[in-house]
Amino acid sequence: MKKRVLFYLVAFVSTISLQSCVTNYVVSKPATYTKEYKTDAKLAAIDTKMENDKKLLINSFISEKAVAIANAKNSLKNSEIAKAIKHNKTIDNILTEAQTYLGTPYRYGGTTRNGIDCSAFVLSVFGAAAGLTLPRVAASQSQEGETIEKENLQKGDLIFFSHGRRISHVGIVEDVTEEGEVKFIHAATSKGVMISSLNDSYWGPKYRFAKRVINENGESYNNLASTNF
């Protein structure tokens, strides 16, 4: 009897303990996490904005480049115009100076307006009008500048002649007509400083070649820096 009572007592106490554990034990709810996702509309709007910003940036680069190119072209054009003006002015000065010698008598070895030979005439004209120092004799002058074909002759070019193998005469191109006739001013032994034509039966066959000693910038070529006699 005592054993049975003891059993029930233990069982009752165990039940009370279990109920107490169950009552005191609290099971927490599982944590929940939420994540905000952008909608397709928002993503599309962002893509559109980025694409527009990209286009604006590219267009700004293109505009800046176009402006830079336009400025460069204008600068180059203005520079070319300035060079052409300077060249034309230099050539005009040379021809104007040369024409002041018209009628000056020829004198072999002469260097003044009282009497002058062909190379001294050219030397004096280019020196006074362009500040250019040329060699004293025609043969040496023919070594200066840039060789020019006859069909490309322009005002201010030097043309050279010979009566044999050696260059012995020089003149300055004074004009080239629309028909292609080349007129030149020179100091001739017969009439002094005068204007002649390459169509002339005397001078035409004696023509050898031409040189350009004033470049497109209205300046002398580099090989004219030294003085040769």
C-alpha atoms as a PDB file:
ATOM      1  CA  MET A   1       0.000   0.000   0.000  1.00  0.00           C
ATOM      2  CA  LYS A   2       2.798   2.382   0.912  1.00  0.00           C
ATOM      3  CA  LYS A   3       4.585   1.594  -2.399  1.00  0.00           C
ATOM      4  CA  ARG A   4       1.457   2.459  -4.398  1.00  0.00           C
ATOM      5  CA  VAL A   5       1.031   5.769  -2.563  1.00  0.00           C
ATOM      6  CA  LEU A   6       4.681   6.623  -3.165  1.00  0.00           C
ATOM      7  CA  PHE A   7       4.274   5.874  -6.908  1.00  0.00           C
ATOM      8  CA  TYR A   8       1.281   8.155  -7.231  1.00  0.00           C
ATOM      9  CA  LEU A   9       3.077  10.873  -5.334  1.00  0.00           C
ATOM     10  CA  VAL A  10       6.102  10.734  -7.657  1.00  0.00           C
ATOM     11  CA  ALA A  11       3.873  10.693 -10.694  1.00  0.00           C
ATOM     12  CA  PHE A  12       1.932  13.726  -9.456  1.00  0.00           C
ATOM     13  CA  VAL A  13       5.099  15.702  -8.752  1.00  0.00           C
ATOM     14  CA  SER A  14       6.511  14.839 -12.192  1.00  0.00           C
ATOM     15  CA  THR A  15       3.302  15.983 -13.844  1.00  0.00           C
ATOM     16  CA  ILE A  16       3.348  19.283 -11.970  1.00  0.00           C
ATOM     17  CA  SER A  17       7.002  19.831 -12.984  1.00  0.00           C
ATOM     18  CA  LEU A  18       6.290  19.139 -16.632  1.00  0.00           C
ATOM     19  CA  GLN A  19       3.342  21.517 -16.601  1.00  0.00           C
ATOM     20  CA  SER A  20       5.553  24.132 -14.990  1.00  0.00           C
ATOM     21  CA  CYS A  21       8.215  23.698 -17.700  1.00  0.00           C
ATOM     22  CA  VAL A  22       5.664  23.854 -20.440  1.00  0.00           C
ATOM     23  CA  THR A  23       4.045  26.902 -18.871  1.00  0.00           C
ATOM     24  CA  ASN A  24       7.345  28.776 -18.481  1.00  0.00           C
ATOM     25  CA  TYR A  25       8.817  27.826 -21.877  1.00  0.00           C
ATOM     26  CA  VAL A  26       8.111  30.469 -24.523  1.00  0.00           C
ATOM     27  CA  VAL A  27       8.892  29.677 -28.123  1.00  0.00           C
ATOM     28  CA  SER A  28       9.868  32.807 -29.970  1.00  0.00           C
ATOM     29  CA  LYS A  29       8.486  33.414 -33.433  1.00  0.00           C
ATOM     30  CA  PRO A  30      10.966  33.079 -36.340  1.00  0.00           C
ATOM     31  CA  ALA A  31      12.417  36.391 -37.454  1.00  0.00           C
ATOM     32  CA  THR A  32      11.096  37.685 -40.738  1.00  0.00           C
ATOM     33  CA  TYR A  33      13.187  39.822 -43.154  1.00  0.00           C
ATOM     34  CA  THR A  34      11.806  41.930 -45.977  1.00  0.00           C
ATOM     35  CA  LYS A  35      13.740  43.232 -48.946  1.00  0.00           C
ATOM     36  CA  GLU A  36      12.581  46.084 -51.111  1.00  0.00           C
ATOM     37  CA  TYR A  37      12.822  45.289 -54.777  1.00  0.00           C
ATOM     38  CA  LYS A  38      12.677  48.014 -57.501  1.00  0.00           C
ATOM     39  CA  THR A  39       9.858  47.547 -59.920  1.00  0.00           C
ATOM     40  CA  ASP A  40      10.404  47.136 -63.671  1.00  0.00           C
ATOM     41  CA  ALA A  41       9.028  50.667 -64.210  1.00  0.00           C
ATOM     42  CA  LYS A  42      11.639  52.180 -61.896  1.00  0.00           C
ATOM     43  CA  LEU A  43      14.459  50.255 -63.599  1.00  0.00           C
ATOM     44  CA  ALA A  44      13.253  51.394 -67.006  1.00  0.00           C
ATOM     45  CA  ALA A  45      13.145  55.003 -65.835  1.00  0.00           C
ATOM     46  CA  ILE A  46      16.716  54.764 -64.520  1.00  0.00           C
ATOM     47  CA  ASP A  47      17.926  53.205 -67.790  1.00  0.00           C
ATOM     48  CA  THR A  48      16.216  55.943 -69.792  1.00  0.00           C
ATOM     49  CA  LYS A  49      17.796  58.691 -67.696  1.00  0.00           C
ATOM     50  CA  MET A  50      21.246  57.117 -67.999  1.00  0.00           C
ATOM     51  CA  GLU A  51      20.845  56.813 -71.763  1.00  0.00           C
ATOM     52  CA  ASN A  52      19.720  60.445 -72.059  1.00  0.00           C
ATOM     53  CA  ASP A  53      22.637  61.609 -69.921  1.00  0.00           C
ATOM     54  CA  LYS A  54      24.992  59.604 -72.138  1.00  0.00           C
ATOM     55  CA  LYS A  55      23.555  61.212 -75.274  1.00  0.00           C
ATOM     56  CA  LEU A  56      23.868  64.694 -73.768  1.00  0.00           C
ATOM     57  CA  LEU A  57      27.489  64.023 -72.854  1.00  0.00           C
ATOM     58  CA  ILE A  58      28.327  62.690 -76.319  1.00  0.00           C
ATOM     59  CA  ASN A  59      26.556  65.621 -77.986  1.00  0.00           C
ATOM     60  CA  SER A  60      28.519  68.056 -75.826  1.00  0.00           C
ATOM     61  CA  PHE A  61      31.767  66.393 -76.929  1.00  0.00           C
ATOM     62  CA  ILE A  62      30.686  66.557 -80.576  1.00  0.00           C
ATOM     63  CA  SER A  63      29.720  70.219 -80.254  1.00  0.00           C
ATOM     64  CA  GLU A  64      33.015  71.116 -78.575  1.00  0.00           C
ATOM     65  CA  LYS A  65      34.941  69.226 -81.267  1.00  0.00           C
ATOM     66  CA  ALA A  66      32.983  70.955 -84.053  1.00  0.00           C
ATOM     67  CA  VAL A  67      33.696  74.361 -82.527  1.00  0.00           C
ATOM     68  CA  ALA A  68      37.392  73.513 -82.159  1.00  0.00           C
ATOM     69  CA  ILE A  69      37.593  72.357 -85.795  1.00  0.00           C
ATOM     70  CA  ALA A  70      35.770  75.471 -87.010  1.00  0.00           C
ATOM     71  CA  ASN A  71      38.111  77.702 -85.023  1.00  0.00           C
ATOM     72  CA  ALA A  72      41.138  75.844 -86.380  1.00  0.00           C
ATOM     73  CA  LYS A  73      39.860  76.199 -89.955  1.00  0.00           C
ATOM     74  CA  ASN A  74      39.202  79.898 -89.496  1.00  0.00           C
ATOM     75  CA  SER A  75      42.629  80.374 -87.964  1.00  0.00           C
ATOM     76  CA  LEU A  76      44.259  78.487 -90.837  1.00  0.00           C
ATOM     77  CA  LYS A  77      42.237  80.424 -93.406  1.00  0.00           C
ATOM     78  CA  ASN A  78      43.173  83.722 -91.817  1.00  0.00           C
ATOM     79  CA  SER A  79      46.796  82.639 -91.691  1.00  0.00           C
ATOM     80  CA  GLU A  80      46.755  81.674 -95.373  1.00  0.00           C
ATOM     81  CA  ILE A  81      45.113  84.957 -96.292  1.00  0.00           C
ATOM     82  CA  ALA A  82      47.717  86.858 -94.301  1.00  0.00           C
ATOM     83  CA  LYS A  83      50.508  84.928 -96.019  1.00  0.00           C
ATOM     84  CA  ALA A  84      49.007  85.563 -99.458  1.00  0.00           C
ATOM     85  CA  ILE A  85      48.682  89.268 -98.718  1.00  0.00           C
ATOM     86  CA  LYS A  86      52.269  89.416 -97.530  1.00  0.00           C
ATOM     87  CA  HIS A  87      53.496  87.496-100.597  1.00  0.00           C
ATOM     88  CA  ASN A  88      51.582  89.695-103.021  1.00  0.00           C
ATOM     89  CA  LYS A  89      52.774  92.835-101.297  1.00  0.00           C
ATOM     90  CA  THR A  90      56.385  91.672-101.463  1.00  0.00           C
ATOM     91  CA  ILE A  91      56.105  90.855-105.178  1.00  0.00           C
ATOM     92  CA  ASP A  92      54.371  94.171-105.866  1.00  0.00           C
ATOM     93  CA  ASN A  93      57.175  95.987-104.062  1.00  0.00           C
ATOM     94  CA  ILE A  94      59.776  94.137-106.148  1.00  0.00           C
ATOM     95  CA  LEU A  95      58.100  94.975-109.454  1.00  0.00           C
ATOM     96  CA  THR A  96      57.461  98.571-108.453  1.00  0.00           C
ATOM     97  CA  GLU A  97      61.125  98.973-107.566  1.00  0.00           C
ATOM     98  CA  ALA A  98      62.196  97.268-110.806  1.00  0.00           C
ATOM     99  CA  GLN A  99      60.059  99.611-112.904  1.00  0.00           C
ATOM    100  CA  THR A 100      61.801 102.640-111.411  1.00  0.00           C
ATOM    101  CA  TYR A 101      64.923 101.461-113.275  1.00  0.00           C
ATOM    102  CA  LEU A 102      63.277 101.469-116.705  1.00  0.00           C
ATOM    103  CA  GLY A 103      65.496 103.377-119.121  1.00  0.00           C
ATOM    104  CA  THR A 104      68.606 103.053-116.956  1.00  0.00           C
ATOM    105  CA  PRO A 105      71.530 102.443-119.343  1.00  0.00           C
ATOM    106  CA  TYR A 106      73.356  99.146-119.391  1.00  0.00           C
ATOM    107  CA  ARG A 107      76.932  99.075-118.173  1.00  0.00           C
ATOM    108  CA  TYR A 108      78.930  95.892-117.726  1.00  0.00           C
ATOM    109  CA  GLY A 109      79.951  95.723-114.039  1.00  0.00           C
ATOM    110  CA  GLY A 110      77.769  98.754-113.284  1.00  0.00           C
ATOM    111  CA  THR A 111      75.795  98.820-110.036  1.00  0.00           C
ATOM    112  CA  THR A 112      74.067 102.217-110.005  1.00  0.00           C
ATOM    113  CA  ARG A 113      71.277 104.028-111.819  1.00  0.00           C
ATOM    114  CA  ASN A 114      73.908 105.691-113.949  1.00  0.00           C
ATOM    115  CA  GLY A 115      74.675 102.336-115.480  1.00  0.00           C
ATOM    116  CA  ILE A 116      73.897  98.790-114.353  1.00  0.00           C
ATOM    117  CA  ASP A 117      74.259  95.230-115.610  1.00  0.00           C
ATOM    118  CA  CYS A 118      71.635  92.464-115.431  1.00  0.00           C
ATOM    119  CA  SER A 119      72.701  90.749-112.193  1.00  0.00           C
ATOM    120  CA  ALA A 120      73.358  94.024-110.350  1.00  0.00           C
ATOM    121  CA  PHE A 121      69.889  95.159-111.404  1.00  0.00           C
ATOM    122  CA  VAL A 122      68.286  92.034-109.901  1.00  0.00           C
ATOM    123  CA  LEU A 123      70.451  92.237-106.794  1.00  0.00           C
ATOM    124  CA  SER A 124      69.571  95.917-106.236  1.00  0.00           C
ATOM    125  CA  VAL A 125      65.846  95.436-106.785  1.00  0.00           C
ATOM    126  CA  PHE A 126      65.454  92.457-104.438  1.00  0.00           C
ATOM    127  CA  GLY A 127      67.668  94.063-101.843  1.00  0.00           C
ATOM    128  CA  ALA A 128      65.719  97.334-101.778  1.00  0.00           C
ATOM    129  CA  ALA A 129      62.202  95.863-102.091  1.00  0.00           C
ATOM    130  CA  ALA A 130      62.477  92.621-100.125  1.00  0.00           C
ATOM    131  CA  GLY A 131      65.609  92.992 -98.004  1.00  0.00           C
ATOM    132  CA  LEU A 132      67.049  90.026 -99.842  1.00  0.00           C
ATOM    133  CA  THR A 133      70.754  89.583-100.441  1.00  0.00           C
ATOM    134  CA  LEU A 134      71.423  87.769-103.702  1.00  0.00           C
ATOM    135  CA  PRO A 135      74.786  86.762-105.184  1.00  0.00           C
ATOM    136  CA  ARG A 136      76.458  89.303-107.474  1.00  0.00           C
ATOM    137  CA  VAL A 137      76.586  87.391-110.765  1.00  0.00           C
ATOM    138  CA  ALA A 138      73.803  85.701-112.745  1.00  0.00           C
ATOM    139  CA  ALA A 139      75.427  82.242-112.688  1.00  0.00           C
ATOM    140  CA  SER A 140      75.461  82.300-108.875  1.00  0.00           C
ATOM    141  CA  GLN A 141      71.962  83.739-108.645  1.00  0.00           C
ATOM    142  CA  SER A 142      70.745  80.807-110.702  1.00  0.00           C
ATOM    143  CA  GLN A 143      71.744  78.464-107.852  1.00  0.00           C
ATOM    144  CA  GLU A 144      69.353  80.098-105.401  1.00  0.00           C
ATOM    145  CA  GLY A 145      65.690  79.443-104.649  1.00  0.00           C
ATOM    146  CA  GLU A 146      63.326  76.810-105.999  1.00  0.00           C
ATOM    147  CA  THR A 147      63.281  75.601-109.602  1.00  0.00           C
ATOM    148  CA  ILE A 148      60.011  76.472-111.373  1.00  0.00           C
ATOM    149  CA  GLU A 149      58.675  75.006-114.598  1.00  0.00           C
ATOM    150  CA  LYS A 150      58.074  77.474-117.397  1.00  0.00           C
ATOM    151  CA  GLU A 151      54.311  76.886-117.397  1.00  0.00           C
ATOM    152  CA  ASN A 152      54.165  77.723-113.677  1.00  0.00           C
ATOM    153  CA  LEU A 153      55.981  81.051-113.834  1.00  0.00           C
ATOM    154  CA  GLN A 154      54.639  83.888-111.700  1.00  0.00           C
ATOM    155  CA  LYS A 155      55.424  87.533-111.184  1.00  0.00           C
ATOM    156  CA  GLY A 156      58.675  88.040-109.320  1.00  0.00           C
ATOM    157  CA  ASP A 157      60.308  84.796-110.466  1.00  0.00           C
ATOM    158  CA  LEU A 158      63.832  84.950-111.855  1.00  0.00           C
ATOM    159  CA  ILE A 159      64.463  83.639-115.357  1.00  0.00           C
ATOM    160  CA  PHE A 160      67.908  82.753-116.677  1.00  0.00           C
ATOM    161  CA  PHE A 161      69.460  82.751-120.131  1.00  0.00           C
ATOM    162  CA  SER A 162      72.690  81.736-121.751  1.00  0.00           C
ATOM    163  CA  HIS A 163      74.457  82.347-125.021  1.00  0.00           C
ATOM    164  CA  GLY A 164      76.381  79.137-124.560  1.00  0.00           C
ATOM    165  CA  ARG A 165      76.789  76.629-121.756  1.00  0.00           C
ATOM    166  CA  ARG A 166      77.128  79.099-118.865  1.00  0.00           C
ATOM    167  CA  ILE A 167      74.294  81.221-117.466  1.00  0.00           C
ATOM    168  CA  SER A 168      75.048  84.773-118.539  1.00  0.00           C
ATOM    169  CA  HIS A 169      71.819  86.728-118.193  1.00  0.00           C
ATOM    170  CA  VAL A 170      68.939  87.120-115.703  1.00  0.00           C
ATOM    171  CA  GLY A 171      65.592  88.913-115.656  1.00  0.00           C
ATOM    172  CA  ILE A 172      62.550  89.285-113.397  1.00  0.00           C
ATOM    173  CA  VAL A 173      59.125  88.056-114.518  1.00  0.00           C
ATOM    174  CA  GLU A 174      57.015  91.191-114.783  1.00  0.00           C
ATOM    175  CA  ASP A 175      53.765  89.644-116.017  1.00  0.00           C
ATOM    176  CA  VAL A 176      52.183  86.439-117.308  1.00  0.00           C
ATOM    177  CA  THR A 177      49.258  87.113-119.646  1.00  0.00           C
ATOM    178  CA  GLU A 178      46.082  85.041-119.888  1.00  0.00           C
ATOM    179  CA  GLU A 179      47.479  83.647-123.135  1.00  0.00           C
ATOM    180  CA  GLY A 180      50.581  82.457-121.272  1.00  0.00           C
ATOM    181  CA  GLU A 181      53.012  85.049-122.628  1.00  0.00           C
ATOM    182  CA  VAL A 182      55.795  85.717-120.125  1.00  0.00           C
ATOM    183  CA  LYS A 183      57.066  89.273-119.937  1.00  0.00           C
ATOM    184  CA  PHE A 184      60.192  90.102-117.983  1.00  0.00           C
ATOM    185  CA  ILE A 185      62.116  93.176-116.945  1.00  0.00           C
ATOM    186  CA  HIS A 186      65.902  93.129-117.278  1.00  0.00           C
ATOM    187  CA  ALA A 187      68.995  95.149-118.066  1.00  0.00           C
ATOM    188  CA  ALA A 188      69.751  94.403-121.705  1.00  0.00           C
ATOM    189  CA  THR A 189      73.008  95.378-123.402  1.00  0.00           C
ATOM    190  CA  SER A 190      71.110  97.001-126.284  1.00  0.00           C
ATOM    191  CA  LYS A 191      68.608  99.297-124.540  1.00  0.00           C
ATOM    192  CA  GLY A 192      69.379  99.117-120.837  1.00  0.00           C
ATOM    193  CA  VAL A 193      66.573  98.266-118.390  1.00  0.00           C
ATOM    194  CA  MET A 194      63.524  97.301-120.419  1.00  0.00           C
ATOM    195  CA  ILE A 195      60.599  94.867-120.635  1.00  0.00           C
ATOM    196  CA  SER A 196      60.891  91.956-123.073  1.00  0.00           C
ATOM    197  CA  SER A 197      58.942  88.794-123.867  1.00  0.00           C
ATOM    198  CA  LEU A 198      59.902  85.127-123.904  1.00  0.00           C
ATOM    199  CA  ASN A 199      58.047  85.008-127.218  1.00  0.00           C
ATOM    200  CA  ASP A 200      60.799  87.199-128.626  1.00  0.00           C
ATOM    201  CA  SER A 201      62.821  85.464-131.323  1.00  0.00           C
ATOM    202  CA  TYR A 202      66.041  86.541-129.641  1.00  0.00           C
ATOM    203  CA  TRP A 203      65.329  85.786-125.965  1.00  0.00           C
ATOM    204  CA  GLY A 204      63.057  82.778-126.406  1.00  0.00           C
ATOM    205  CA  PRO A 205      65.725  80.368-127.657  1.00  0.00           C
ATOM    206  CA  LYS A 206      68.201  81.523-124.998  1.00  0.00           C
ATOM    207  CA  TYR A 207      65.883  80.821-122.063  1.00  0.00           C
ATOM    208  CA  ARG A 208      67.175  77.995-119.829  1.00  0.00           C
ATOM    209  CA  PHE A 209      65.191  77.779-116.592  1.00  0.00           C
ATOM    210  CA  ALA A 210      63.542  79.762-113.785  1.00  0.00           C
ATOM    211  CA  LYS A 211      63.912  80.102-110.025  1.00  0.00           C
ATOM    212  CA  ARG A 212      61.577  81.365-107.325  1.00  0.00           C
ATOM    213  CA  VAL A 213      63.448  83.120-104.540  1.00  0.00           C
ATOM    214  CA  ILE A 214      60.388  84.451-102.673  1.00  0.00           C
ATOM    215  CA  ASN A 215      58.230  81.731-101.145  1.00  0.00           C
ATOM    216  CA  GLU A 216      54.459  81.713-100.649  1.00  0.00           C
ATOM    217  CA  ASN A 217      54.887  83.446 -97.293  1.00  0.00           C
ATOM    218  CA  GLY A 218      56.527  86.429 -98.937  1.00  0.00           C
ATOM    219  CA  GLU A 219      59.892  85.476 -97.493  1.00  0.00           C
ATOM    220  CA  SER A 220      63.168  84.316 -99.000  1.00  0.00           C
ATOM    221  CA  TYR A 221      64.080  80.642 -99.089  1.00  0.00           C
ATOM    222  CA  ASN A 222      66.514  79.420 -96.451  1.00  0.00           C
ATOM    223  CA  ASN A 223      69.382  78.994 -98.842  1.00  0.00           C
ATOM    224  CA  LEU A 224      69.433  82.750 -99.335  1.00  0.00           C
ATOM    225  CA  ALA A 225      70.633  83.385 -95.810  1.00  0.00           C
ATOM    226  CA  SER A 226      74.246  83.640 -96.817  1.00  0.00           C
ATOM    227  CA  THR A 227      75.784  86.152 -99.179  1.00  0.00           C
ATOM    228  CA  ASN A 228      77.649  84.784-102.180  1.00  0.00           C
ATOM    229  CA  PHE A 229      79.829  86.773-104.553  1.00  0.00           C
END
